């Protein structure tokens, strides 16, 4: 199965400016009002597919995001926590190799997702769930130069995982 087959079957659309392809699968009809007075859904969920050329570039959110691995290639979730700690989590189904099918990304954590290995597939199908539900007002795309200045020892990773 090719990435285009999964994209077509699930009705995925390009996700910009982040990268990858997505389809919203759930948006709670129940609402809440944020501190800023914005109304939003209590929860939301998406399918999210990445390929070697269309991956998730560094971004962060104001609220917790939970990643789920569904199939295809193993994915690397690269994180920069608010305290500056870097970590890569391998999302996949090979538990004996240290992969995990789910990971919770805390608020205000820089995150990027790429294909870890292309042995069998050139795509990875993930999902994310958020509560409160996703709102673009809570999304911040990384600025390459800012990350380079803040984390100079990670120059190569930043260059690879930003879209500037």
Protein backbone atom coordinates (compact mmCIF):
# COMPACT_ATOMS: atom_id res chain seq x y z
CA UNK A 1 0.00 0.00 0.00
CA UNK A 2 1.32 3.43 -0.98
CA UNK A 3 0.86 6.74 0.87
CA UNK A 4 -1.47 7.94 -1.90
CA UNK A 5 -3.75 4.95 -1.25
CA UNK A 6 -4.05 5.75 2.45
CA UNK A 7 -4.56 9.46 1.70
CA UNK A 8 -7.35 8.63 -0.73
CA UNK A 9 -9.02 5.98 1.44
CA UNK A 10 -9.12 8.20 4.53
CA UNK A 11 -9.84 11.44 2.66
CA UNK A 12 -6.72 13.16 3.98
CA UNK A 13 -5.83 16.74 3.04
CA UNK A 14 -2.50 18.59 3.15
CA UNK A 15 -1.83 20.14 6.57
CA UNK A 16 -0.18 23.51 6.23
CA UNK A 17 1.95 25.08 7.48
CA UNK A 18 2.93 22.07 9.60
CA UNK A 19 3.30 19.39 6.91
CA UNK A 20 1.78 15.96 6.36
CA UNK A 21 -1.84 15.07 5.61
CA UNK A 22 -4.83 15.00 7.95
CA UNK A 23 -8.54 14.47 8.40
CA UNK A 24 -10.48 15.55 11.45
CA UNK A 25 -12.24 12.46 12.80
CA UNK A 26 -13.87 13.96 15.88
CA UNK A 27 -14.80 17.38 17.18
CA UNK A 28 -16.80 17.48 20.38
CA UNK A 29 -20.13 19.26 20.09
CA UNK A 30 -19.67 20.29 23.72
CA UNK A 31 -17.98 23.67 24.06
CA UNK A 32 -15.94 25.58 26.60
CA UNK A 33 -14.74 29.17 26.82
CA UNK A 34 -10.98 29.76 27.10
CA UNK A 35 -9.29 32.36 29.30
CA UNK A 36 -9.24 34.73 26.33
CA UNK A 37 -12.97 34.36 25.85
CA UNK A 38 -12.74 32.10 22.76
CA UNK A 39 -15.27 29.30 22.41
CA UNK A 40 -13.84 25.92 21.44
CA UNK A 41 -14.66 22.22 21.45
CA UNK A 42 -13.89 20.20 24.55
CA UNK A 43 -11.93 17.64 22.49
CA UNK A 44 -10.83 16.82 18.95
CA UNK A 45 -9.06 14.01 17.09
CA UNK A 46 -7.40 13.64 13.68
CA UNK A 47 -5.76 11.08 11.45
CA UNK A 48 -2.28 12.30 10.56
CA UNK A 49 -0.07 10.83 7.83
CA UNK A 50 3.55 11.76 7.17
CA UNK A 51 5.93 10.83 4.36
CA UNK A 52 9.68 11.43 3.99
CA UNK A 53 8.94 14.65 2.03
CA UNK A 54 5.86 15.81 3.93
CA UNK A 55 6.55 15.61 7.64
CA UNK A 56 5.68 17.65 10.71
CA UNK A 57 8.05 20.58 11.20
CA UNK A 58 8.80 22.05 14.63
CA UNK A 59 5.73 23.64 16.17
CA UNK A 60 4.14 23.88 19.59
CA UNK A 61 0.69 24.10 21.10
CA UNK A 62 -0.73 25.70 24.23
CA UNK A 63 -2.42 22.45 25.27
CA UNK A 64 -1.56 18.77 25.62
CA UNK A 65 -1.53 16.66 22.44
CA UNK A 66 -1.64 12.85 22.48
CA UNK A 67 -0.07 10.96 19.55
CA UNK A 68 -1.28 7.50 18.53
CA UNK A 69 0.52 5.14 16.12
CA UNK A 70 -1.80 3.29 13.69
CA UNK A 71 0.42 1.77 11.01
CA UNK A 72 3.05 2.03 8.34
CA UNK A 73 6.60 3.10 9.10
CA UNK A 74 7.85 3.81 12.58
CA UNK A 75 7.88 7.55 13.30
CA UNK A 76 10.28 9.68 15.34
CA UNK A 77 8.68 12.35 17.51
CA UNK A 78 11.40 14.89 18.33
CA UNK A 79 10.65 17.08 21.32
CA UNK A 80 12.15 20.15 22.96
CA UNK A 81 10.54 20.50 26.37
CA UNK A 82 10.01 23.93 27.95
CA UNK A 83 13.04 23.32 30.22
CA UNK A 84 15.27 22.80 27.13
CA UNK A 85 15.51 19.00 27.38
CA UNK A 86 15.60 17.26 23.96
CA UNK A 87 14.06 13.83 23.51
CA UNK A 88 13.14 11.59 20.59
CA UNK A 89 10.27 9.16 21.09
CA UNK A 90 9.85 6.32 18.60
CA UNK A 91 6.18 5.79 17.73
CA UNK A 92 5.48 2.29 16.49
CA UNK A 93 4.36 -1.21 17.28
CA UNK A 94 7.66 -2.95 18.07
CA UNK A 95 7.52 -2.71 21.85
CA UNK A 96 10.59 -4.94 22.30
CA UNK A 97 12.63 -2.36 20.36
CA UNK A 98 11.45 0.47 22.61
CA UNK A 99 8.70 1.80 20.35
CA UNK A 100 5.49 3.06 21.89
CA UNK A 101 2.01 3.23 20.34
CA UNK A 102 1.10 6.41 22.22
CA UNK A 103 2.82 9.46 23.67
CA UNK A 104 1.55 12.55 25.51
CA UNK A 105 3.19 15.84 24.49
CA UNK A 106 2.92 18.46 27.25
CA UNK A 107 1.81 22.04 26.51
CA UNK A 108 4.41 24.47 25.05
CA UNK A 109 6.73 21.63 23.93
CA UNK A 110 8.33 22.03 20.49
CA UNK A 111 7.52 18.94 18.43
CA UNK A 112 8.35 17.53 15.01
CA UNK A 113 7.54 14.12 13.51
CA UNK A 114 9.48 12.29 10.79
CA UNK A 115 9.67 8.80 9.29
CA UNK A 116 12.20 6.76 11.29
CA UNK A 117 12.71 3.95 8.81
CA UNK A 118 11.47 3.19 5.30
CA UNK A 119 12.05 -0.58 5.32
CA UNK A 120 8.51 -1.50 4.23
CA UNK A 121 6.55 1.75 3.94
CA UNK A 122 7.21 5.33 2.90
CA UNK A 123 4.42 6.61 5.15
CA UNK A 124 3.38 6.54 8.77
CA UNK A 125 -0.24 6.83 9.90
CA UNK A 126 -0.67 8.46 13.26
CA UNK A 127 -3.48 10.17 15.07
CA UNK A 128 -3.61 12.96 17.59
CA UNK A 129 -6.17 13.76 20.24
CA UNK A 130 -6.49 17.05 22.09
CA UNK A 131 -8.57 18.27 25.03
CA UNK A 132 -9.51 21.04 24.79
CA UNK A 133 -9.96 20.60 21.06
CA UNK A 134 -7.45 21.93 18.55
CA UNK A 135 -7.63 25.62 17.68
CA UNK A 136 -5.17 27.34 15.30
CA UNK A 137 -5.06 30.25 17.77
CA UNK A 138 -3.06 27.90 20.06
CA UNK A 139 -0.61 26.83 17.31
CA UNK A 140 2.89 28.33 16.93
CA UNK A 141 5.18 27.40 14.04
CA UNK A 142 8.88 27.51 14.98
CA UNK A 143 11.11 30.19 13.52
CA UNK A 144 14.35 28.51 12.51
CA UNK A 145 16.64 31.38 13.53
CA UNK A 146 15.08 31.62 17.00
CA UNK A 147 15.57 27.91 17.65
CA UNK A 148 19.16 28.06 16.35
CA UNK A 149 19.94 30.89 18.75
CA UNK A 150 18.31 29.13 21.71
CA UNK A 151 19.72 25.63 20.98
CA UNK A 152 22.99 26.09 19.01
CA UNK A 153 24.26 22.56 19.79
CA UNK A 154 21.29 21.10 17.86
CA UNK A 155 21.89 23.04 14.64
CA UNK A 156 21.64 20.04 12.27
CA UNK A 157 18.36 18.79 13.75
CA UNK A 158 16.85 22.29 13.69
CA UNK A 159 17.86 22.79 10.05
CA UNK A 160 16.26 19.46 9.13
CA UNK A 161 13.06 19.98 11.13
CA UNK A 162 12.14 23.59 10.34
CA UNK A 163 10.67 24.95 7.17
CA UNK A 164 12.38 28.35 6.95
